[in-house]
Amino acid sequence: MKGSKQLMHYVQRFFQDYLRAHRGLSNNTVFAYRDAIKLYLIFLSKHTRSHITKLSLDNLSVETVLAFLSDVETTRRCTVTTRNLRLSALRTFFGYLVTQDTLHASQYQRVLSLPVKRSSHRMMEYLEVEEVRAVMDCINRGEAIGRRDYALLNFLYNTGARVQEACDLCIEHVWFDSPPLVTITGKGRKTRQVPLWPGTAMLLKSYIAEHKASRITLKNVFLNARGQPLTRFGIRYILQTRIAAAVEHCPSLSKKESWSPHFPPHNSDAPAPVRGRAYCY
């Protein structure tokens, strides 16, 4: 097998066999690895002035990986965090190559020994209880989309769930009998059960009944206007538009440079937000 065909053979097996079959990683993780390796191969093609189909295992070296990581920060202007994520994906790939191609094992090991780059961490901001309430109050619940968004934001507020966890939430994972709770599947397919406050449970029950009445048979709880499951980008858009609409009534929201859709528990005596909820970063 020629060097170029051998490289592409290993790339294909890395994604089809190793990541999915052997490690059982989620689609989002596989996509992150895909993006990192694709960018590296594109950079390597330009760096060696060879067509990407002509690249071989001999072209894979610690020097090209370091040059690629430098390019990620300088040319692509990515953060150190993104740079480290790219490195992590490449180290996983090169670790796989060590087990498949012993002839080049020493050069792969050099990549595995590359350390992550340290960086300073920004202080995370968070939404105050009044700010979250202002966002909720600006939602028109007389419209179907408004009722969905109100239920969605209350769910995030109640549970502190990640966006992808909300996207993946299925009707069968919500328990409405006393005490109401929800089973959330997070990273690494780890599940956890989170109690639902009566108000949140009532909103979810009403919203699910509404789209069941529309003869929608999908198992996902949160759907878009076309009756398809919401995506991460869809939820981000919802949050952006809802927060923008609330700025007029709560000017402090305009001072939040960036934010995360993780909300603190919603109750009248809610304390200052704690880890993982209502943070802006």
C-alpha atoms as a PDB file:
ATOM      1  CA  MET A   1       0.000   0.000   0.000  1.00  0.00           C
ATOM      2  CA  LYS A   2       1.380   3.423  -0.981  1.00  0.00           C
ATOM      3  CA  GLY A   3       2.104   5.952   1.751  1.00  0.00           C
ATOM      4  CA  SER A   4      -0.748   8.293   0.796  1.00  0.00           C
ATOM      5  CA  LYS A   5      -3.301   5.473   0.628  1.00  0.00           C
ATOM      6  CA  GLN A   6      -1.995   4.082   3.907  1.00  0.00           C
ATOM      7  CA  LEU A   7      -2.463   7.443   5.669  1.00  0.00           C
ATOM      8  CA  MET A   8      -6.038   7.843   4.434  1.00  0.00           C
ATOM      9  CA  HIS A   9      -6.707   4.227   5.360  1.00  0.00           C
ATOM     10  CA  TYR A  10      -5.664   4.912   8.950  1.00  0.00           C
ATOM     11  CA  VAL A  11      -7.690   8.150   9.036  1.00  0.00           C
ATOM     12  CA  GLN A  12     -10.785   6.283   7.921  1.00  0.00           C
ATOM     13  CA  ARG A  13     -10.292   3.462  10.428  1.00  0.00           C
ATOM     14  CA  PHE A  14      -9.601   5.985  13.194  1.00  0.00           C
ATOM     15  CA  PHE A  15     -13.067   7.486  12.767  1.00  0.00           C
ATOM     16  CA  GLN A  16     -15.083   4.435  11.776  1.00  0.00           C
ATOM     17  CA  ASP A  17     -13.563   1.772  14.014  1.00  0.00           C
ATOM     18  CA  TYR A  18     -11.597   3.379  16.829  1.00  0.00           C
ATOM     19  CA  LEU A  19     -13.634   6.439  17.889  1.00  0.00           C
ATOM     20  CA  ARG A  20     -17.102   5.032  17.329  1.00  0.00           C
ATOM     21  CA  ALA A  21     -16.841   1.266  17.743  1.00  0.00           C
ATOM     22  CA  HIS A  22     -14.062   0.959  20.329  1.00  0.00           C
ATOM     23  CA  ARG A  23     -14.348   4.159  22.345  1.00  0.00           C
ATOM     24  CA  GLY A  24     -18.051   4.811  21.773  1.00  0.00           C
ATOM     25  CA  LEU A  25     -17.631   8.583  21.653  1.00  0.00           C
ATOM     26  CA  SER A  26     -20.560  10.908  21.003  1.00  0.00           C
ATOM     27  CA  ASN A  27     -21.165  12.460  17.606  1.00  0.00           C
ATOM     28  CA  ASN A  28     -20.139  15.900  18.836  1.00  0.00           C
ATOM     29  CA  THR A  29     -16.788  14.592  20.068  1.00  0.00           C
ATOM     30  CA  VAL A  30     -16.195  12.750  16.805  1.00  0.00           C
ATOM     31  CA  PHE A  31     -17.029  15.928  14.877  1.00  0.00           C
ATOM     32  CA  ALA A  32     -14.510  17.882  16.978  1.00  0.00           C
ATOM     33  CA  TYR A  33     -11.804  15.316  16.157  1.00  0.00           C
ATOM     34  CA  ARG A  34     -12.830  15.426  12.509  1.00  0.00           C
ATOM     35  CA  ASP A  35     -12.450  19.207  12.349  1.00  0.00           C
ATOM     36  CA  ALA A  36      -9.045  19.159  14.048  1.00  0.00           C
ATOM     37  CA  ILE A  37      -7.590  16.455  11.803  1.00  0.00           C
ATOM     38  CA  LYS A  38      -9.104  17.991   8.670  1.00  0.00           C
ATOM     39  CA  LEU A  39      -7.529  21.370   9.479  1.00  0.00           C
ATOM     40  CA  TYR A  40      -4.206  19.705  10.237  1.00  0.00           C
ATOM     41  CA  LEU A  41      -4.171  17.827   6.920  1.00  0.00           C
ATOM     42  CA  ILE A  42      -5.117  20.981   5.005  1.00  0.00           C
ATOM     43  CA  PHE A  43      -2.310  22.873   6.751  1.00  0.00           C
ATOM     44  CA  LEU A  44       0.086  20.001   6.087  1.00  0.00           C
ATOM     45  CA  SER A  45      -0.833  20.069   2.395  1.00  0.00           C
ATOM     46  CA  LYS A  46       0.021  23.767   2.170  1.00  0.00           C
ATOM     47  CA  HIS A  47       3.120  23.369   4.335  1.00  0.00           C
ATOM     48  CA  THR A  48       4.565  20.578   2.151  1.00  0.00           C
ATOM     49  CA  ARG A  49       3.155  22.015  -1.097  1.00  0.00           C
ATOM     50  CA  SER A  50       1.604  18.660  -1.851  1.00  0.00           C
ATOM     51  CA  HIS A  51      -1.955  17.803  -2.730  1.00  0.00           C
ATOM     52  CA  ILE A  52      -3.764  16.427   0.280  1.00  0.00           C
ATOM     53  CA  THR A  53      -4.187  13.067  -1.478  1.00  0.00           C
ATOM     54  CA  LYS A  54      -0.394  12.844  -1.838  1.00  0.00           C
ATOM     55  CA  LEU A  55       0.359  13.168   1.873  1.00  0.00           C
ATOM     56  CA  SER A  56       1.966  10.155   3.519  1.00  0.00           C
ATOM     57  CA  LEU A  57       2.786   8.963   7.003  1.00  0.00           C
ATOM     58  CA  ASP A  58       6.306  10.372   6.555  1.00  0.00           C
ATOM     59  CA  ASN A  59       4.804  13.881   6.528  1.00  0.00           C
ATOM     60  CA  LEU A  60       3.414  13.487  10.028  1.00  0.00           C
ATOM     61  CA  SER A  61       5.884  14.939  12.483  1.00  0.00           C
ATOM     62  CA  VAL A  62       6.080  16.906  15.700  1.00  0.00           C
ATOM     63  CA  GLU A  63       7.480  19.880  13.756  1.00  0.00           C
ATOM     64  CA  THR A  64       4.422  20.093  11.506  1.00  0.00           C
ATOM     65  CA  VAL A  65       2.097  19.702  14.497  1.00  0.00           C
ATOM     66  CA  LEU A  66       3.833  22.590  16.283  1.00  0.00           C
ATOM     67  CA  ALA A  67       3.651  24.703  13.128  1.00  0.00           C
ATOM     68  CA  PHE A  68      -0.045  23.887  12.815  1.00  0.00           C
ATOM     69  CA  LEU A  69      -0.754  24.849  16.428  1.00  0.00           C
ATOM     70  CA  SER A  70       1.086  28.126  15.909  1.00  0.00           C
ATOM     71  CA  ASP A  71      -1.010  28.748  12.800  1.00  0.00           C
ATOM     72  CA  VAL A  72      -4.187  28.081  14.773  1.00  0.00           C
ATOM     73  CA  GLU A  73      -3.306  30.910  17.151  1.00  0.00           C
ATOM     74  CA  THR A  74      -1.748  33.408  14.734  1.00  0.00           C
ATOM     75  CA  THR A  75      -3.396  32.999  11.338  1.00  0.00           C
ATOM     76  CA  ARG A  76      -6.771  31.668  12.470  1.00  0.00           C
ATOM     77  CA  ARG A  77      -6.657  33.816  15.639  1.00  0.00           C
ATOM     78  CA  CYS A  78      -8.095  31.127  17.868  1.00  0.00           C
ATOM     79  CA  THR A  79      -7.798  31.145  21.640  1.00  0.00           C
ATOM     80  CA  VAL A  80      -5.338  29.053  23.614  1.00  0.00           C
ATOM     81  CA  THR A  81      -8.268  26.880  24.672  1.00  0.00           C
ATOM     82  CA  THR A  82      -9.071  26.082  21.038  1.00  0.00           C
ATOM     83  CA  ARG A  83      -5.394  25.445  20.366  1.00  0.00           C
ATOM     84  CA  ASN A  84      -5.286  22.946  23.218  1.00  0.00           C
ATOM     85  CA  LEU A  85      -8.446  21.217  21.977  1.00  0.00           C
ATOM     86  CA  ARG A  86      -6.854  20.779  18.551  1.00  0.00           C
ATOM     87  CA  LEU A  87      -3.755  19.347  20.196  1.00  0.00           C
ATOM     88  CA  SER A  88      -5.839  16.954  22.281  1.00  0.00           C
ATOM     89  CA  ALA A  89      -7.554  15.611  19.149  1.00  0.00           C
ATOM     90  CA  LEU A  90      -4.228  15.203  17.352  1.00  0.00           C
ATOM     91  CA  ARG A  91      -2.685  13.401  20.308  1.00  0.00           C
ATOM     92  CA  THR A  92      -5.582  10.941  20.268  1.00  0.00           C
ATOM     93  CA  PHE A  93      -5.019  10.371  16.548  1.00  0.00           C
ATOM     94  CA  PHE A  94      -1.261   9.950  16.905  1.00  0.00           C
ATOM     95  CA  GLY A  95      -1.804   7.637  19.865  1.00  0.00           C
ATOM     96  CA  TYR A  96      -3.925   5.463  17.597  1.00  0.00           C
ATOM     97  CA  LEU A  97      -1.212   5.530  14.925  1.00  0.00           C
ATOM     98  CA  VAL A  98       1.357   4.242  17.427  1.00  0.00           C
ATOM     99  CA  THR A  99      -0.631   1.015  17.685  1.00  0.00           C
ATOM    100  CA  GLN A 100      -1.028   0.688  13.919  1.00  0.00           C
ATOM    101  CA  ASP A 101       2.265   1.857  12.428  1.00  0.00           C
ATOM    102  CA  THR A 102       5.225   0.791  14.551  1.00  0.00           C
ATOM    103  CA  LEU A 103       7.668   1.885  11.852  1.00  0.00           C
ATOM    104  CA  HIS A 104       6.985   5.543  12.662  1.00  0.00           C
ATOM    105  CA  ALA A 105       6.174   5.033  16.345  1.00  0.00           C
ATOM    106  CA  SER A 106       9.021   7.237  17.585  1.00  0.00           C
ATOM    107  CA  GLN A 107       7.839  10.284  15.648  1.00  0.00           C
ATOM    108  CA  TYR A 108       4.289   9.743  16.874  1.00  0.00           C
ATOM    109  CA  GLN A 109       5.509   9.498  20.459  1.00  0.00           C
ATOM    110  CA  ARG A 110       7.085  12.948  20.151  1.00  0.00           C
ATOM    111  CA  VAL A 111       3.664  14.392  19.374  1.00  0.00           C
ATOM    112  CA  LEU A 112       2.147  12.577  22.351  1.00  0.00           C
ATOM    113  CA  SER A 113       4.676  14.262  24.637  1.00  0.00           C
ATOM    114  CA  LEU A 114       3.648  17.791  23.601  1.00  0.00           C
ATOM    115  CA  PRO A 115       2.218  19.645  26.609  1.00  0.00           C
ATOM    116  CA  VAL A 116      -0.877  21.806  26.547  1.00  0.00           C
ATOM    117  CA  LYS A 117      -0.309  25.535  26.614  1.00  0.00           C
ATOM    118  CA  ARG A 118      -1.183  27.285  29.836  1.00  0.00           C
ATOM    119  CA  SER A 119      -3.357  30.375  29.733  1.00  0.00           C
ATOM    120  CA  SER A 120      -5.031  32.733  32.153  1.00  0.00           C
ATOM    121  CA  HIS A 121      -8.694  32.124  32.875  1.00  0.00           C
ATOM    122  CA  ARG A 122     -11.153  34.966  32.678  1.00  0.00           C
ATOM    123  CA  MET A 123     -13.476  35.522  35.597  1.00  0.00           C
ATOM    124  CA  MET A 124     -16.852  34.180  34.540  1.00  0.00           C
ATOM    125  CA  GLU A 125     -19.815  36.524  34.724  1.00  0.00           C
ATOM    126  CA  TYR A 126     -23.325  35.378  35.502  1.00  0.00           C
ATOM    127  CA  LEU A 127     -26.898  36.546  35.130  1.00  0.00           C
ATOM    128  CA  GLU A 128     -28.481  37.899  38.270  1.00  0.00           C
ATOM    129  CA  VAL A 129     -31.885  36.577  39.299  1.00  0.00           C
ATOM    130  CA  GLU A 130     -33.512  39.864  38.260  1.00  0.00           C
ATOM    131  CA  GLU A 131     -31.873  39.637  34.832  1.00  0.00           C
ATOM    132  CA  VAL A 132     -33.138  36.125  34.255  1.00  0.00           C
ATOM    133  CA  ARG A 133     -36.608  37.171  35.384  1.00  0.00           C
ATOM    134  CA  ALA A 134     -36.508  40.121  32.950  1.00  0.00           C
ATOM    135  CA  VAL A 135     -35.754  37.720  30.085  1.00  0.00           C
ATOM    136  CA  MET A 136     -38.630  35.455  31.100  1.00  0.00           C
ATOM    137  CA  ASP A 137     -41.083  38.364  31.430  1.00  0.00           C
ATOM    138  CA  CYS A 138     -40.386  39.543  27.865  1.00  0.00           C
ATOM    139  CA  ILE A 139     -41.579  36.281  26.316  1.00  0.00           C
ATOM    140  CA  ASN A 140     -45.046  36.443  24.761  1.00  0.00           C
ATOM    141  CA  ARG A 141     -46.697  33.268  25.973  1.00  0.00           C
ATOM    142  CA  GLY A 142     -49.726  33.924  23.793  1.00  0.00           C
ATOM    143  CA  GLU A 143     -47.752  32.512  20.853  1.00  0.00           C
ATOM    144  CA  ALA A 144     -46.771  28.879  20.397  1.00  0.00           C
ATOM    145  CA  ILE A 145     -43.092  29.780  19.959  1.00  0.00           C
ATOM    146  CA  GLY A 146     -43.267  31.930  23.075  1.00  0.00           C
ATOM    147  CA  ARG A 147     -44.695  29.052  25.109  1.00  0.00           C
ATOM    148  CA  ARG A 148     -41.917  26.793  23.833  1.00  0.00           C
ATOM    149  CA  ASP A 149     -39.195  29.327  24.659  1.00  0.00           C
ATOM    150  CA  TYR A 150     -40.661  29.979  28.100  1.00  0.00           C
ATOM    151  CA  ALA A 151     -40.716  26.250  28.857  1.00  0.00           C
ATOM    152  CA  LEU A 152     -37.196  25.836  27.471  1.00  0.00           C
ATOM    153  CA  LEU A 153     -35.685  28.678  29.506  1.00  0.00           C
ATOM    154  CA  ASN A 154     -37.443  27.537  32.651  1.00  0.00           C
ATOM    155  CA  PHE A 155     -36.109  24.032  32.069  1.00  0.00           C
ATOM    156  CA  LEU A 156     -32.544  25.340  31.708  1.00  0.00           C
ATOM    157  CA  TYR A 157     -33.069  27.628  34.696  1.00  0.00           C
ATOM    158  CA  ASN A 158     -34.389  24.794  36.845  1.00  0.00           C
ATOM    159  CA  THR A 159     -31.906  22.064  35.903  1.00  0.00           C
ATOM    160  CA  GLY A 160     -28.679  23.809  34.861  1.00  0.00           C
ATOM    161  CA  ALA A 161     -28.664  21.523  31.810  1.00  0.00           C
ATOM    162  CA  ARG A 162     -26.261  22.104  28.934  1.00  0.00           C
ATOM    163  CA  VAL A 163     -27.656  23.127  25.570  1.00  0.00           C
ATOM    164  CA  GLN A 164     -26.917  19.739  23.980  1.00  0.00           C
ATOM    165  CA  GLU A 165     -28.623  18.037  26.912  1.00  0.00           C
ATOM    166  CA  ALA A 166     -31.742  20.090  26.233  1.00  0.00           C
ATOM    167  CA  CYS A 167     -31.561  19.204  22.530  1.00  0.00           C
ATOM    168  CA  ASP A 168     -31.345  15.490  23.354  1.00  0.00           C
ATOM    169  CA  LEU A 169     -34.069  15.499  26.012  1.00  0.00           C
ATOM    170  CA  CYS A 170     -36.842  13.028  25.185  1.00  0.00           C
ATOM    171  CA  ILE A 171     -40.411  12.966  26.448  1.00  0.00           C
ATOM    172  CA  GLU A 172     -39.830   9.585  28.081  1.00  0.00           C
ATOM    173  CA  HIS A 173     -37.086  11.132  30.225  1.00  0.00           C
ATOM    174  CA  VAL A 174     -39.531  13.466  32.013  1.00  0.00           C
ATOM    175  CA  TRP A 175     -41.409  12.094  35.019  1.00  0.00           C
ATOM    176  CA  PHE A 176     -44.490  14.143  35.954  1.00  0.00           C
ATOM    177  CA  ASP A 177     -45.778  12.102  38.902  1.00  0.00           C
ATOM    178  CA  SER A 178     -44.851  13.329  42.359  1.00  0.00           C
ATOM    179  CA  PRO A 179     -42.052  14.118  42.797  1.00  0.00           C
ATOM    180  CA  PRO A 180     -41.488  15.340  39.204  1.00  0.00           C
ATOM    181  CA  LEU A 181     -37.995  14.848  37.846  1.00  0.00           C
ATOM    182  CA  VAL A 182     -36.028  14.572  34.629  1.00  0.00           C
ATOM    183  CA  THR A 183     -33.297  12.170  33.551  1.00  0.00           C
ATOM    184  CA  ILE A 184     -30.549  14.044  31.687  1.00  0.00           C
ATOM    185  CA  THR A 185     -27.894  12.382  29.565  1.00  0.00           C
ATOM    186  CA  GLY A 186     -24.674  14.387  29.599  1.00  0.00           C
ATOM    187  CA  LYS A 187     -21.132  14.082  28.336  1.00  0.00           C
ATOM    188  CA  GLY A 188     -19.799  10.569  28.071  1.00  0.00           C
ATOM    189  CA  ARG A 189     -23.409   9.331  28.076  1.00  0.00           C
ATOM    190  CA  LYS A 190     -23.508   9.770  31.834  1.00  0.00           C
ATOM    191  CA  THR A 191     -27.013  10.196  33.193  1.00  0.00           C
ATOM    192  CA  ARG A 192     -28.272  12.100  36.194  1.00  0.00           C
ATOM    193  CA  GLN A 193     -31.710  12.740  37.653  1.00  0.00           C
ATOM    194  CA  VAL A 194     -32.673  16.304  38.463  1.00  0.00           C
ATOM    195  CA  PRO A 195     -35.821  17.309  40.415  1.00  0.00           C
ATOM    196  CA  LEU A 196     -38.299  19.583  38.660  1.00  0.00           C
ATOM    197  CA  TRP A 197     -40.101  22.330  40.486  1.00  0.00           C
ATOM    198  CA  PRO A 198     -43.898  22.074  40.127  1.00  0.00           C
ATOM    199  CA  GLY A 199     -44.016  25.174  37.931  1.00  0.00           C
ATOM    200  CA  THR A 200     -41.408  23.800  35.533  1.00  0.00           C
ATOM    201  CA  ALA A 201     -43.120  20.408  35.403  1.00  0.00           C
ATOM    202  CA  MET A 202     -46.441  22.078  34.622  1.00  0.00           C
ATOM    203  CA  LEU A 203     -44.890  24.105  31.788  1.00  0.00           C
ATOM    204  CA  LEU A 204     -43.245  21.047  30.256  1.00  0.00           C
ATOM    205  CA  LYS A 205     -46.402  18.961  30.554  1.00  0.00           C
ATOM    206  CA  SER A 206     -48.480  21.653  28.872  1.00  0.00           C
ATOM    207  CA  TYR A 207     -45.914  22.197  26.108  1.00  0.00           C
ATOM    208  CA  ILE A 208     -45.567  18.473  25.368  1.00  0.00           C
ATOM    209  CA  ALA A 209     -49.360  18.098  25.265  1.00  0.00           C
ATOM    210  CA  GLU A 210     -49.543  21.011  22.831  1.00  0.00           C
ATOM    211  CA  HIS A 211     -47.185  19.543  20.248  1.00  0.00           C
ATOM    212  CA  LYS A 212     -48.695  16.082  20.714  1.00  0.00           C
ATOM    213  CA  ALA A 213     -52.046  17.644  19.839  1.00  0.00           C
ATOM    214  CA  SER A 214     -50.418  18.781  16.587  1.00  0.00           C
ATOM    215  CA  ARG A 215     -49.839  15.070  15.791  1.00  0.00           C
ATOM    216  CA  ILE A 216     -46.084  15.419  16.121  1.00  0.00           C
ATOM    217  CA  THR A 217     -44.728  11.996  16.984  1.00  0.00           C
ATOM    218  CA  LEU A 218     -41.055  12.881  17.554  1.00  0.00           C
ATOM    219  CA  LYS A 219     -39.683  11.800  20.908  1.00  0.00           C
ATOM    220  CA  ASN A 220     -37.690  15.004  21.544  1.00  0.00           C
ATOM    221  CA  VAL A 221     -39.207  17.529  23.921  1.00  0.00           C
ATOM    222  CA  PHE A 222     -38.007  20.796  22.380  1.00  0.00           C
ATOM    223  CA  LEU A 223     -38.838  21.282  18.699  1.00  0.00           C
ATOM    224  CA  ASN A 224     -38.348  24.076  16.186  1.00  0.00           C
ATOM    225  CA  ALA A 225     -41.054  25.746  14.083  1.00  0.00           C
ATOM    226  CA  ARG A 226     -40.801  22.946  11.507  1.00  0.00           C
ATOM    227  CA  GLY A 227     -41.459  20.278  14.112  1.00  0.00           C
ATOM    228  CA  GLN A 228     -37.855  19.060  14.155  1.00  0.00           C
ATOM    229  CA  PRO A 229     -35.625  18.764  17.253  1.00  0.00           C
ATOM    230  CA  LEU A 230     -33.936  22.011  18.265  1.00  0.00           C
ATOM    231  CA  THR A 231     -30.191  22.194  17.653  1.00  0.00           C
ATOM    232  CA  ARG A 232     -27.519  23.869  19.748  1.00  0.00           C
ATOM    233  CA  PHE A 233     -27.453  26.722  17.266  1.00  0.00           C
ATOM    234  CA  GLY A 234     -31.223  27.029  17.434  1.00  0.00           C
ATOM    235  CA  ILE A 235     -31.193  27.319  21.219  1.00  0.00           C
ATOM    236  CA  ARG A 236     -28.337  29.836  21.066  1.00  0.00           C
ATOM    237  CA  TYR A 237     -30.384  31.933  18.645  1.00  0.00           C
ATOM    238  CA  ILE A 238     -33.402  31.751  20.960  1.00  0.00           C
ATOM    239  CA  LEU A 239     -31.310  32.933  23.897  1.00  0.00           C
ATOM    240  CA  GLN A 240     -29.710  35.724  21.884  1.00  0.00           C
ATOM    241  CA  THR A 241     -33.041  37.087  20.688  1.00  0.00           C
ATOM    242  CA  ARG A 242     -34.742  36.757  24.077  1.00  0.00           C
ATOM    243  CA  ILE A 243     -31.900  38.487  25.898  1.00  0.00           C
ATOM    244  CA  ALA A 244     -31.764  41.241  23.256  1.00  0.00           C
ATOM    245  CA  ALA A 245     -35.497  41.840  23.718  1.00  0.00           C
ATOM    246  CA  ALA A 246     -35.060  42.144  27.484  1.00  0.00           C
ATOM    247  CA  VAL A 247     -32.215  44.695  27.373  1.00  0.00           C
ATOM    248  CA  GLU A 248     -34.655  47.624  27.157  1.00  0.00           C
ATOM    249  CA  HIS A 249     -36.305  46.553  30.411  1.00  0.00           C
ATOM    250  CA  CYS A 250     -33.056  45.431  32.080  1.00  0.00           C
ATOM    251  CA  PRO A 251     -30.119  47.544  30.817  1.00  0.00           C
ATOM    252  CA  SER A 252     -27.573  45.563  32.837  1.00  0.00           C
ATOM    253  CA  LEU A 253     -27.962  42.709  30.344  1.00  0.00           C
ATOM    254  CA  SER A 254     -26.198  44.808  27.708  1.00  0.00           C
ATOM    255  CA  LYS A 255     -23.052  44.800  29.847  1.00  0.00           C
ATOM    256  CA  LYS A 256     -22.706  41.040  29.652  1.00  0.00           C
ATOM    257  CA  GLU A 257     -20.032  40.505  26.994  1.00  0.00           C
ATOM    258  CA  SER A 258     -20.849  36.850  26.512  1.00  0.00           C
ATOM    259  CA  TRP A 259     -22.951  34.307  28.294  1.00  0.00           C
ATOM    260  CA  SER A 260     -23.745  30.671  28.733  1.00  0.00           C
ATOM    261  CA  PRO A 261     -27.255  29.197  28.708  1.00  0.00           C
ATOM    262  CA  HIS A 262     -26.947  27.648  32.142  1.00  0.00           C
ATOM    263  CA  PHE A 263     -29.400  29.087  34.625  1.00  0.00           C
ATOM    264  CA  PRO A 264     -29.655  28.978  38.431  1.00  0.00           C
ATOM    265  CA  PRO A 265     -32.671  27.469  40.222  1.00  0.00           C
ATOM    266  CA  HIS A 266     -35.745  29.676  39.809  1.00  0.00           C
ATOM    267  CA  ASN A 267     -37.406  30.632  43.080  1.00  0.00           C
ATOM    268  CA  SER A 268     -38.147  33.872  44.898  1.00  0.00           C
ATOM    269  CA  ASP A 269     -35.372  33.315  47.430  1.00  0.00           C
ATOM    270  CA  ALA A 270     -32.751  32.229  44.892  1.00  0.00           C
ATOM    271  CA  PRO A 271     -29.226  32.901  46.158  1.00  0.00           C
ATOM    272  CA  ALA A 272     -26.413  34.244  44.045  1.00  0.00           C
ATOM    273  CA  PRO A 273     -25.813  31.907  41.095  1.00  0.00           C
ATOM    274  CA  VAL A 274     -23.433  29.065  41.760  1.00  0.00           C
ATOM    275  CA  ARG A 275     -21.133  26.914  39.703  1.00  0.00           C
ATOM    276  CA  GLY A 276     -22.347  25.858  36.260  1.00  0.00           C
ATOM    277  CA  ARG A 277     -25.491  27.957  36.132  1.00  0.00           C
ATOM    278  CA  ALA A 278     -26.376  31.319  34.642  1.00  0.00           C
ATOM    279  CA  TYR A 279     -22.749  31.998  33.907  1.00  0.00           C
ATOM    280  CA  CYS A 280     -21.600  34.367  31.183  1.00  0.00           C
ATOM    281  CA  TYR A 281     -18.222  33.624  29.659  1.00  0.00           C
END
